Amino acid sequence: MESFGYSEWSKLDNASKIFPSTWSHKDPKVFRIVCELKDEVDPRLLQAALDDVIEDIPVYKSVLRRGVFWHYLERSDIKPLVEAEETTVCAPIYT
């Protein structure tokens, strides 16, 4: 993927062009990383760590958009929030 640089959007590579075209309401292709921790974690510290690292990896501050001829990534101001998972991971999507 090209760097965001000064642009507000970025082209997808060839493999990434195929992925969005297989999306459907039944299978929205959500990607999440999940882990179970043995020790207690302070959510404020975890949020602070996320806020710091997300500035170093700009692709995580982007959203997938549908263009006229292709999909592309667009820079976003949406802030990811750390929160406890109360149900099965992605349950609302796949039920």
PDB file of N, CA and C in Angstrom:
ATOM      1  N   MET A   1       0.845  -1.180   0.000  1.00  0.00           N
ATOM      2  CA  MET A   1       0.000   0.000   0.000  1.00  0.00           C
ATOM      3  C   MET A   1       0.886   1.238   0.000  1.00  0.00           C
ATOM      4  N   GLU A   2       0.463   2.232  -0.724  1.00  0.00           N
ATOM      5  CA  GLU A   2       1.220   3.470  -0.776  1.00  0.00           C
ATOM      6  C   GLU A   2       1.090   4.223   0.539  1.00  0.00           C
ATOM      7  N   SER A   3       2.091   5.013   0.826  1.00  0.00           N
ATOM      8  CA  SER A   3       2.066   5.825   2.041  1.00  0.00           C
ATOM      9  C   SER A   3       1.008   6.910   1.942  1.00  0.00           C
ATOM     10  N   PHE A   4       0.415   7.259   3.069  1.00  0.00           N
ATOM     11  CA  PHE A   4      -0.561   8.345   3.070  1.00  0.00           C
ATOM     12  C   PHE A   4       0.105   9.654   2.679  1.00  0.00           C
ATOM     13  N   GLY A   5       1.336   9.866   3.118  1.00  0.00           N
ATOM     14  CA  GLY A   5       2.023  11.101   2.783  1.00  0.00           C
ATOM     15  C   GLY A   5       1.136  12.309   3.009  1.00  0.00           C
ATOM     16  N   TYR A   6       0.987  13.148   1.992  1.00  0.00           N
ATOM     17  CA  TYR A   6       0.145  14.334   2.100  1.00  0.00           C
ATOM     18  C   TYR A   6      -1.277  14.056   1.627  1.00  0.00           C
ATOM     19  N   SER A   7      -1.496  12.901   1.037  1.00  0.00           N
ATOM     20  CA  SER A   7      -2.810  12.570   0.496  1.00  0.00           C
ATOM     21  C   SER A   7      -3.753  12.115   1.601  1.00  0.00           C
ATOM     22  N   GLU A   8      -5.033  12.306   1.373  1.00  0.00           N
ATOM     23  CA  GLU A   8      -6.043  11.859   2.333  1.00  0.00           C
ATOM     24  C   GLU A   8      -6.546  10.460   2.003  1.00  0.00           C
ATOM     25  N   TRP A   9      -6.083   9.876   0.911  1.00  0.00           N
ATOM     26  CA  TRP A   9      -6.515   8.536   0.545  1.00  0.00           C
ATOM     27  C   TRP A   9      -5.334   7.736   0.019  1.00  0.00           C
ATOM     28  N   SER A  10      -5.509   6.405  -0.049  1.00  0.00           N
ATOM     29  CA  SER A  10      -4.433   5.528  -0.468  1.00  0.00           C
ATOM     30  C   SER A  10      -4.994   4.386  -1.307  1.00  0.00           C
ATOM     31  N   LYS A  11      -4.291   4.023  -2.378  1.00  0.00           N
ATOM     32  CA  LYS A  11      -4.705   2.907  -3.224  1.00  0.00           C
ATOM     33  C   LYS A  11      -4.496   1.590  -2.477  1.00  0.00           C
ATOM     34  N   LEU A  12      -5.272   0.584  -2.858  1.00  0.00           N
ATOM     35  CA  LEU A  12      -5.101  -0.757  -2.321  1.00  0.00           C
ATOM     36  C   LEU A  12      -4.164  -1.550  -3.222  1.00  0.00           C
ATOM     37  N   ASP A  13      -3.454  -2.526  -2.642  1.00  0.00           N
ATOM     38  CA  ASP A  13      -2.649  -3.409  -3.474  1.00  0.00           C
ATOM     39  C   ASP A  13      -3.569  -4.431  -4.142  1.00  0.00           C
ATOM     40  N   ASN A  14      -3.034  -5.293  -5.011  1.00  0.00           N
ATOM     41  CA  ASN A  14      -3.872  -6.203  -5.793  1.00  0.00           C
ATOM     42  C   ASN A  14      -4.695  -7.152  -4.933  1.00  0.00           C
ATOM     43  N   ALA A  15      -4.092  -7.739  -3.902  1.00  0.00           N
ATOM     44  CA  ALA A  15      -4.842  -8.647  -3.026  1.00  0.00           C
ATOM     45  C   ALA A  15      -5.950  -7.904  -2.291  1.00  0.00           C
ATOM     46  N   SER A  16      -5.672  -6.681  -1.909  1.00  0.00           N
ATOM     47  CA  SER A  16      -6.665  -5.886  -1.182  1.00  0.00           C
ATOM     48  C   SER A  16      -7.821  -5.461  -2.069  1.00  0.00           C
ATOM     49  N   LYS A  17      -7.633  -5.455  -3.362  1.00  0.00           N
ATOM     50  CA  LYS A  17      -8.730  -5.117  -4.276  1.00  0.00           C
ATOM     51  C   LYS A  17      -9.759  -6.241  -4.333  1.00  0.00           C
ATOM     52  N   ILE A  18      -9.317  -7.486  -4.168  1.00  0.00           N
ATOM     53  CA  ILE A  18     -10.221  -8.639  -4.219  1.00  0.00           C
ATOM     54  C   ILE A  18     -11.037  -8.747  -2.940  1.00  0.00           C
ATOM     55  N   PHE A  19     -10.419  -8.524  -1.806  1.00  0.00           N
ATOM     56  CA  PHE A  19     -11.062  -8.706  -0.500  1.00  0.00           C
ATOM     57  C   PHE A  19     -12.388  -7.959  -0.362  1.00  0.00           C
ATOM     58  N   PRO A  20     -12.478  -6.651  -0.636  1.00  0.00           N
ATOM     59  CA  PRO A  20     -13.756  -5.952  -0.452  1.00  0.00           C
ATOM     60  C   PRO A  20     -14.850  -6.421  -1.402  1.00  0.00           C
ATOM     61  N   SER A  21     -14.473  -6.948  -2.550  1.00  0.00           N
ATOM     62  CA  SER A  21     -15.496  -7.385  -3.500  1.00  0.00           C
ATOM     63  C   SER A  21     -16.195  -8.657  -3.040  1.00  0.00           C
ATOM     64  N   THR A  22     -15.646  -9.353  -2.048  1.00  0.00           N
ATOM     65  CA  THR A  22     -16.285 -10.560  -1.518  1.00  0.00           C
ATOM     66  C   THR A  22     -17.153 -10.268  -0.300  1.00  0.00           C
ATOM     67  N   TRP A  23     -17.254  -9.010   0.092  1.00  0.00           N
ATOM     68  CA  TRP A  23     -18.038  -8.587   1.248  1.00  0.00           C
ATOM     69  C   TRP A  23     -19.527  -8.777   0.988  1.00  0.00           C
ATOM     70  N   SER A  24     -20.271  -9.143   2.040  1.00  0.00           N
ATOM     71  CA  SER A  24     -21.734  -9.204   1.963  1.00  0.00           C
ATOM     72  C   SER A  24     -22.287  -8.910   3.355  1.00  0.00           C
ATOM     73  N   HIS A  25     -23.595  -8.663   3.440  1.00  0.00           N
ATOM     74  CA  HIS A  25     -24.202  -8.417   4.755  1.00  0.00           C
ATOM     75  C   HIS A  25     -24.122  -9.663   5.628  1.00  0.00           C
ATOM     76  N   LYS A  26     -24.136 -10.833   5.009  1.00  0.00           N
ATOM     77  CA  LYS A  26     -24.049 -12.080   5.765  1.00  0.00           C
ATOM     78  C   LYS A  26     -22.615 -12.340   6.250  1.00  0.00           C
ATOM     79  N   ASP A  27     -21.640 -11.892   5.483  1.00  0.00           N
ATOM     80  CA  ASP A  27     -20.233 -12.089   5.824  1.00  0.00           C
ATOM     81  C   ASP A  27     -19.461 -10.798   5.550  1.00  0.00           C
ATOM     82  N   PRO A  28     -19.452  -9.856   6.521  1.00  0.00           N
ATOM     83  CA  PRO A  28     -18.867  -8.531   6.283  1.00  0.00           C
ATOM     84  C   PRO A  28     -17.342  -8.460   6.331  1.00  0.00           C
ATOM     85  N   LYS A  29     -16.664  -9.577   6.532  1.00  0.00           N
ATOM     86  CA  LYS A  29     -15.200  -9.599   6.510  1.00  0.00           C
ATOM     87  C   LYS A  29     -14.571  -8.677   7.548  1.00  0.00           C
ATOM     88  N   VAL A  30     -14.988  -8.825   8.779  1.00  0.00           N
ATOM     89  CA  VAL A  30     -14.423  -8.029   9.867  1.00  0.00           C
ATOM     90  C   VAL A  30     -13.143  -8.702  10.345  1.00  0.00           C
ATOM     91  N   PHE A  31     -12.096  -7.916  10.520  1.00  0.00           N
ATOM     92  CA  PHE A  31     -10.821  -8.424  11.014  1.00  0.00           C
ATOM     93  C   PHE A  31     -10.590  -7.874  12.407  1.00  0.00           C
ATOM     94  N   ARG A  32     -10.449  -8.790  13.375  1.00  0.00           N
ATOM     95  CA  ARG A  32     -10.181  -8.363  14.748  1.00  0.00           C
ATOM     96  C   ARG A  32      -9.155  -9.285  15.364  1.00  0.00           C
ATOM     97  N   ILE A  33      -8.380  -8.734  16.258  1.00  0.00           N
ATOM     98  CA  ILE A  33      -7.426  -9.527  17.026  1.00  0.00           C
ATOM     99  C   ILE A  33      -7.951  -9.601  18.448  1.00  0.00           C
ATOM    100  N   VAL A  34      -8.025 -10.813  18.984  1.00  0.00           N
ATOM    101  CA  VAL A  34      -8.576 -11.016  20.319  1.00  0.00           C
ATOM    102  C   VAL A  34      -7.596 -11.860  21.130  1.00  0.00           C
ATOM    103  N   CYS A  35      -7.480 -11.540  22.402  1.00  0.00           N
ATOM    104  CA  CYS A  35      -6.690 -12.364  23.305  1.00  0.00           C
ATOM    105  C   CYS A  35      -7.322 -12.306  24.689  1.00  0.00           C
ATOM    106  N   GLU A  36      -7.100 -13.348  25.456  1.00  0.00           N
ATOM    107  CA  GLU A  36      -7.562 -13.369  26.842  1.00  0.00           C
ATOM    108  C   GLU A  36      -6.345 -13.169  27.732  1.00  0.00           C
ATOM    109  N   LEU A  37      -6.448 -12.227  28.640  1.00  0.00           N
ATOM    110  CA  LEU A  37      -5.331 -11.912  29.527  1.00  0.00           C
ATOM    111  C   LEU A  37      -5.543 -12.536  30.896  1.00  0.00           C
ATOM    112  N   LYS A  38      -4.475 -12.983  31.505  1.00  0.00           N
ATOM    113  CA  LYS A  38      -4.559 -13.599  32.826  1.00  0.00           C
ATOM    114  C   LYS A  38      -4.531 -12.561  33.935  1.00  0.00           C
ATOM    115  N   ASP A  39      -3.850 -11.452  33.707  1.00  0.00           N
ATOM    116  CA  ASP A  39      -3.715 -10.410  34.720  1.00  0.00           C
ATOM    117  C   ASP A  39      -4.661  -9.256  34.424  1.00  0.00           C
ATOM    118  N   GLU A  40      -4.991  -8.511  35.470  1.00  0.00           N
ATOM    119  CA  GLU A  40      -5.837  -7.323  35.305  1.00  0.00           C
ATOM    120  C   GLU A  40      -5.088  -6.266  34.493  1.00  0.00           C
ATOM    121  N   VAL A  41      -5.823  -5.547  33.677  1.00  0.00           N
ATOM    122  CA  VAL A  41      -5.244  -4.486  32.855  1.00  0.00           C
ATOM    123  C   VAL A  41      -5.995  -3.196  33.149  1.00  0.00           C
ATOM    124  N   ASP A  42      -5.252  -2.135  33.344  1.00  0.00           N
ATOM    125  CA  ASP A  42      -5.863  -0.828  33.555  1.00  0.00           C
ATOM    126  C   ASP A  42      -6.297  -0.293  32.190  1.00  0.00           C
ATOM    127  N   PRO A  43      -7.601  -0.162  31.943  1.00  0.00           N
ATOM    128  CA  PRO A  43      -8.077   0.290  30.633  1.00  0.00           C
ATOM    129  C   PRO A  43      -7.547   1.667  30.239  1.00  0.00           C
ATOM    130  N   ARG A  44      -7.300   2.524  31.220  1.00  0.00           N
ATOM    131  CA  ARG A  44      -6.772   3.861  30.900  1.00  0.00           C
ATOM    132  C   ARG A  44      -5.355   3.776  30.347  1.00  0.00           C
ATOM    133  N   LEU A  45      -4.534   2.896  30.942  1.00  0.00           N
ATOM    134  CA  LEU A  45      -3.166   2.725  30.442  1.00  0.00           C
ATOM    135  C   LEU A  45      -3.164   2.077  29.059  1.00  0.00           C
ATOM    136  N   LEU A  46      -4.049   1.103  28.864  1.00  0.00           N
ATOM    137  CA  LEU A  46      -4.146   0.447  27.565  1.00  0.00           C
ATOM    138  C   LEU A  46      -4.606   1.435  26.492  1.00  0.00           C
ATOM    139  N   GLN A  47      -5.559   2.296  26.826  1.00  0.00           N
ATOM    140  CA  GLN A  47      -6.026   3.317  25.884  1.00  0.00           C
ATOM    141  C   GLN A  47      -4.904   4.298  25.560  1.00  0.00           C
ATOM    142  N   ALA A  48      -4.133   4.682  26.572  1.00  0.00           N
ATOM    143  CA  ALA A  48      -3.008   5.595  26.345  1.00  0.00           C
ATOM    144  C   ALA A  48      -1.971   4.959  25.416  1.00  0.00           C
ATOM    145  N   ALA A  49      -1.706   3.664  25.609  1.00  0.00           N
ATOM    146  CA  ALA A  49      -0.758   2.963  24.742  1.00  0.00           C
ATOM    147  C   ALA A  49      -1.289   2.904  23.311  1.00  0.00           C
ATOM    148  N   LEU A  50      -2.574   2.624  23.155  1.00  0.00           N
ATOM    149  CA  LEU A  50      -3.186   2.598  21.825  1.00  0.00           C
ATOM    150  C   LEU A  50      -3.101   3.968  21.159  1.00  0.00           C
ATOM    151  N   ASP A  51      -3.400   5.005  21.909  1.00  0.00           N
ATOM    152  CA  ASP A  51      -3.334   6.371  21.369  1.00  0.00           C
ATOM    153  C   ASP A  51      -1.925   6.710  20.883  1.00  0.00           C
ATOM    154  N   ASP A  52      -0.907   6.230  21.598  1.00  0.00           N
ATOM    155  CA  ASP A  52       0.479   6.497  21.207  1.00  0.00           C
ATOM    156  C   ASP A  52       0.870   5.727  19.947  1.00  0.00           C
ATOM    157  N   VAL A  53       0.556   4.441  19.922  1.00  0.00           N
ATOM    158  CA  VAL A  53       1.020   3.598  18.814  1.00  0.00           C
ATOM    159  C   VAL A  53       0.251   3.868  17.524  1.00  0.00           C
ATOM    160  N   ILE A  54      -0.989   4.265  17.611  1.00  0.00           N
ATOM    161  CA  ILE A  54      -1.784   4.472  16.395  1.00  0.00           C
ATOM    162  C   ILE A  54      -1.246   5.629  15.556  1.00  0.00           C
ATOM    163  N   GLU A  55      -0.547   6.552  16.188  1.00  0.00           N
ATOM    164  CA  GLU A  55       0.061   7.653  15.438  1.00  0.00           C
ATOM    165  C   GLU A  55       1.227   7.166  14.582  1.00  0.00           C
ATOM    166  N   ASP A  56       1.849   6.053  14.985  1.00  0.00           N
ATOM    167  CA  ASP A  56       2.989   5.509  14.247  1.00  0.00           C
ATOM    168  C   ASP A  56       2.573   4.626  13.075  1.00  0.00           C
ATOM    169  N   ILE A  57       1.323   4.173  13.062  1.00  0.00           N
ATOM    170  CA  ILE A  57       0.839   3.264  12.022  1.00  0.00           C
ATOM    171  C   ILE A  57      -0.417   3.872  11.394  1.00  0.00           C
ATOM    172  N   PRO A  58      -0.266   4.786  10.444  1.00  0.00           N
ATOM    173  CA  PRO A  58      -1.406   5.538   9.923  1.00  0.00           C
ATOM    174  C   PRO A  58      -2.471   4.691   9.234  1.00  0.00           C
ATOM    175  N   VAL A  59      -2.115   3.504   8.747  1.00  0.00           N
ATOM    176  CA  VAL A  59      -3.131   2.681   8.084  1.00  0.00           C
ATOM    177  C   VAL A  59      -4.234   2.277   9.066  1.00  0.00           C
ATOM    178  N   TYR A  60      -3.930   2.225  10.354  1.00  0.00           N
ATOM    179  CA  TYR A  60      -4.946   1.899  11.357  1.00  0.00           C
ATOM    180  C   TYR A  60      -5.886   3.070  11.621  1.00  0.00           C
ATOM    181  N   LYS A  61      -5.569   4.223  11.075  1.00  0.00           N
ATOM    182  CA  LYS A  61      -6.453   5.383  11.200  1.00  0.00           C
ATOM    183  C   LYS A  61      -7.144   5.643   9.862  1.00  0.00           C
ATOM    184  N   SER A  62      -7.561   4.567   9.201  1.00  0.00           N
ATOM    185  CA  SER A  62      -8.198   4.706   7.898  1.00  0.00           C
ATOM    186  C   SER A  62      -9.448   3.840   7.825  1.00  0.00           C
ATOM    187  N   VAL A  63     -10.298   4.160   6.871  1.00  0.00           N
ATOM    188  CA  VAL A  63     -11.515   3.387   6.624  1.00  0.00           C
ATOM    189  C   VAL A  63     -11.555   3.023   5.144  1.00  0.00           C
ATOM    190  N   LEU A  64     -12.164   1.880   4.849  1.00  0.00           N
ATOM    191  CA  LEU A  64     -12.292   1.426   3.472  1.00  0.00           C
ATOM    192  C   LEU A  64     -13.496   2.100   2.840  1.00  0.00           C
ATOM    193  N   ARG A  65     -13.302   2.703   1.681  1.00  0.00           N
ATOM    194  CA  ARG A  65     -14.375   3.398   0.967  1.00  0.00           C
ATOM    195  C   ARG A  65     -14.527   2.794  -0.425  1.00  0.00           C
ATOM    196  N   ARG A  66     -15.739   2.884  -0.947  1.00  0.00           N
ATOM    197  CA  ARG A  66     -16.016   2.408  -2.295  1.00  0.00           C
ATOM    198  C   ARG A  66     -15.948   3.598  -3.247  1.00  0.00           C
ATOM    199  N   GLY A  67     -15.072   3.518  -4.237  1.00  0.00           N
ATOM    200  CA  GLY A  67     -14.968   4.559  -5.249  1.00  0.00           C
ATOM    201  C   GLY A  67     -15.806   4.201  -6.462  1.00  0.00           C
ATOM    202  N   VAL A  68     -15.714   4.996  -7.494  1.00  0.00           N
ATOM    203  CA  VAL A  68     -16.464   4.733  -8.721  1.00  0.00           C
ATOM    204  C   VAL A  68     -15.992   3.440  -9.374  1.00  0.00           C
ATOM    205  N   PHE A  69     -14.672   3.231  -9.435  1.00  0.00           N
ATOM    206  CA  PHE A  69     -14.125   2.054 -10.098  1.00  0.00           C
ATOM    207  C   PHE A  69     -13.436   1.080  -9.152  1.00  0.00           C
ATOM    208  N   TRP A  70     -13.039   1.510  -7.977  1.00  0.00           N
ATOM    209  CA  TRP A  70     -12.310   0.646  -7.057  1.00  0.00           C
ATOM    210  C   TRP A  70     -12.495   1.136  -5.625  1.00  0.00           C
ATOM    211  N   HIS A  71     -12.108   0.279  -4.686  1.00  0.00           N
ATOM    212  CA  HIS A  71     -12.110   0.646  -3.270  1.00  0.00           C
ATOM    213  C   HIS A  71     -10.792   1.338  -2.946  1.00  0.00           C
ATOM    214  N   TYR A  72     -10.790   2.124  -1.899  1.00  0.00           N
ATOM    215  CA  TYR A  72      -9.580   2.810  -1.467  1.00  0.00           C
ATOM    216  C   TYR A  72      -9.651   3.046   0.039  1.00  0.00           C
ATOM    217  N   LEU A  73      -8.516   3.321   0.647  1.00  0.00           N
ATOM    218  CA  LEU A  73      -8.458   3.658   2.065  1.00  0.00           C
ATOM    219  C   LEU A  73      -8.443   5.168   2.206  1.00  0.00           C
ATOM    220  N   GLU A  74      -9.233   5.663   3.143  1.00  0.00           N
ATOM    221  CA  GLU A  74      -9.305   7.093   3.387  1.00  0.00           C
ATOM    222  C   GLU A  74      -8.935   7.371   4.837  1.00  0.00           C
ATOM    223  N   ARG A  75      -8.144   8.386   5.048  1.00  0.00           N
ATOM    224  CA  ARG A  75      -7.763   8.772   6.407  1.00  0.00           C
ATOM    225  C   ARG A  75      -9.017   9.123   7.200  1.00  0.00           C
ATOM    226  N   SER A  76      -9.030   8.754   8.467  1.00  0.00           N
ATOM    227  CA  SER A  76     -10.205   8.971   9.308  1.00  0.00           C
ATOM    228  C   SER A  76      -9.789   9.551  10.655  1.00  0.00           C
ATOM    229  N   ASP A  77     -10.668  10.325  11.235  1.00  0.00           N
ATOM    230  CA  ASP A  77     -10.435  10.848  12.580  1.00  0.00           C
ATOM    231  C   ASP A  77     -11.136  10.005  13.643  1.00  0.00           C
ATOM    232  N   ILE A  78     -11.704   8.870  13.234  1.00  0.00           N
ATOM    233  CA  ILE A  78     -12.362   7.974  14.186  1.00  0.00           C
ATOM    234  C   ILE A  78     -11.306   7.450  15.158  1.00  0.00           C
ATOM    235  N   LYS A  79     -11.587   7.561  16.436  1.00  0.00           N
ATOM    236  CA  LYS A  79     -10.633   7.150  17.464  1.00  0.00           C
ATOM    237  C   LYS A  79     -11.031   5.772  17.995  1.00  0.00           C
ATOM    238  N   PRO A  80     -10.146   4.767  17.868  1.00  0.00           N
ATOM    239  CA  PRO A  80     -10.466   3.457  18.430  1.00  0.00           C
ATOM    240  C   PRO A  80     -10.482   3.522  19.956  1.00  0.00           C
ATOM    241  N   LEU A  81     -11.449   2.860  20.545  1.00  0.00           N
ATOM    242  CA  LEU A  81     -11.594   2.871  21.998  1.00  0.00           C
ATOM    243  C   LEU A  81     -11.365   1.486  22.576  1.00  0.00           C
ATOM    244  N   VAL A  82     -10.663   1.433  23.673  1.00  0.00           N
ATOM    245  CA  VAL A  82     -10.457   0.191  24.407  1.00  0.00           C
ATOM    246  C   VAL A  82     -11.689  -0.041  25.262  1.00  0.00           C
ATOM    247  N   GLU A  83     -12.279  -1.214  25.136  1.00  0.00           N
ATOM    248  CA  GLU A  83     -13.431  -1.555  25.972  1.00  0.00           C
ATOM    249  C   GLU A  83     -13.481  -3.060  26.179  1.00  0.00           C
ATOM    250  N   ALA A  84     -14.052  -3.460  27.295  1.00  0.00           N
ATOM    251  CA  ALA A  84     -14.158  -4.881  27.623  1.00  0.00           C
ATOM    252  C   ALA A  84     -15.163  -5.546  26.699  1.00  0.00           C
ATOM    253  N   GLU A  85     -14.861  -6.770  26.293  1.00  0.00           N
ATOM    254  CA  GLU A  85     -15.768  -7.551  25.453  1.00  0.00           C
ATOM    255  C   GLU A  85     -16.755  -8.255  26.377  1.00  0.00           C
ATOM    256  N   GLU A  86     -18.023  -8.001  26.175  1.00  0.00           N
ATOM    257  CA  GLU A  86     -19.049  -8.574  27.050  1.00  0.00           C
ATOM    258  C   GLU A  86     -19.672  -9.846  26.472  1.00  0.00           C
ATOM    259  N   THR A  87     -19.586 -10.019  25.169  1.00  0.00           N
ATOM    260  CA  THR A  87     -20.187 -11.185  24.515  1.00  0.00           C
ATOM    261  C   THR A  87     -19.124 -11.887  23.675  1.00  0.00           C
ATOM    262  N   THR A  88     -19.539 -12.910  22.963  1.00  0.00           N
ATOM    263  CA  THR A  88     -18.639 -13.591  22.046  1.00  0.00           C
ATOM    264  C   THR A  88     -18.144 -12.594  21.004  1.00  0.00           C
ATOM    265  N   VAL A  89     -16.884 -12.698  20.644  1.00  0.00           N
ATOM    266  CA  VAL A  89     -16.284 -11.767  19.694  1.00  0.00           C
ATOM    267  C   VAL A  89     -17.065 -11.760  18.383  1.00  0.00           C
ATOM    268  N   CYS A  90     -17.428 -10.578  17.929  1.00  0.00           N
ATOM    269  CA  CYS A  90     -18.159 -10.355  16.673  1.00  0.00           C
ATOM    270  C   CYS A  90     -19.540 -11.010  16.656  1.00  0.00           C
ATOM    271  N   ALA A  91     -20.087 -11.364  17.811  1.00  0.00           N
ATOM    272  CA  ALA A  91     -21.390 -12.026  17.869  1.00  0.00           C
ATOM    273  C   ALA A  91     -22.493 -11.241  17.164  1.00  0.00           C
ATOM    274  N   PRO A  92     -22.594  -9.911  17.332  1.00  0.00           N
ATOM    275  CA  PRO A  92     -23.669  -9.192  16.645  1.00  0.00           C
ATOM    276  C   PRO A  92     -23.572  -9.270  15.123  1.00  0.00           C
ATOM    277  N   ILE A  93     -22.402  -9.501  14.605  1.00  0.00           N
ATOM    278  CA  ILE A  93     -22.218  -9.552  13.155  1.00  0.00           C
ATOM    279  C   ILE A  93     -22.646 -10.900  12.597  1.00  0.00           C
ATOM    280  N   TYR A  94     -22.315 -11.969  13.295  1.00  0.00           N
ATOM    281  CA  TYR A  94     -22.523 -13.306  12.754  1.00  0.00           C
ATOM    282  C   TYR A  94     -23.723 -14.040  13.336  1.00  0.00           C
ATOM    283  N   THR A  95     -24.634 -13.345  13.997  1.00  0.00           N
ATOM    284  CA  THR A  95     -25.824 -14.031  14.521  1.00  0.00           C
ATOM    285  C   THR A  95     -27.035 -13.722  13.694  1.00  0.00           C
TER     286      THR A  95
END
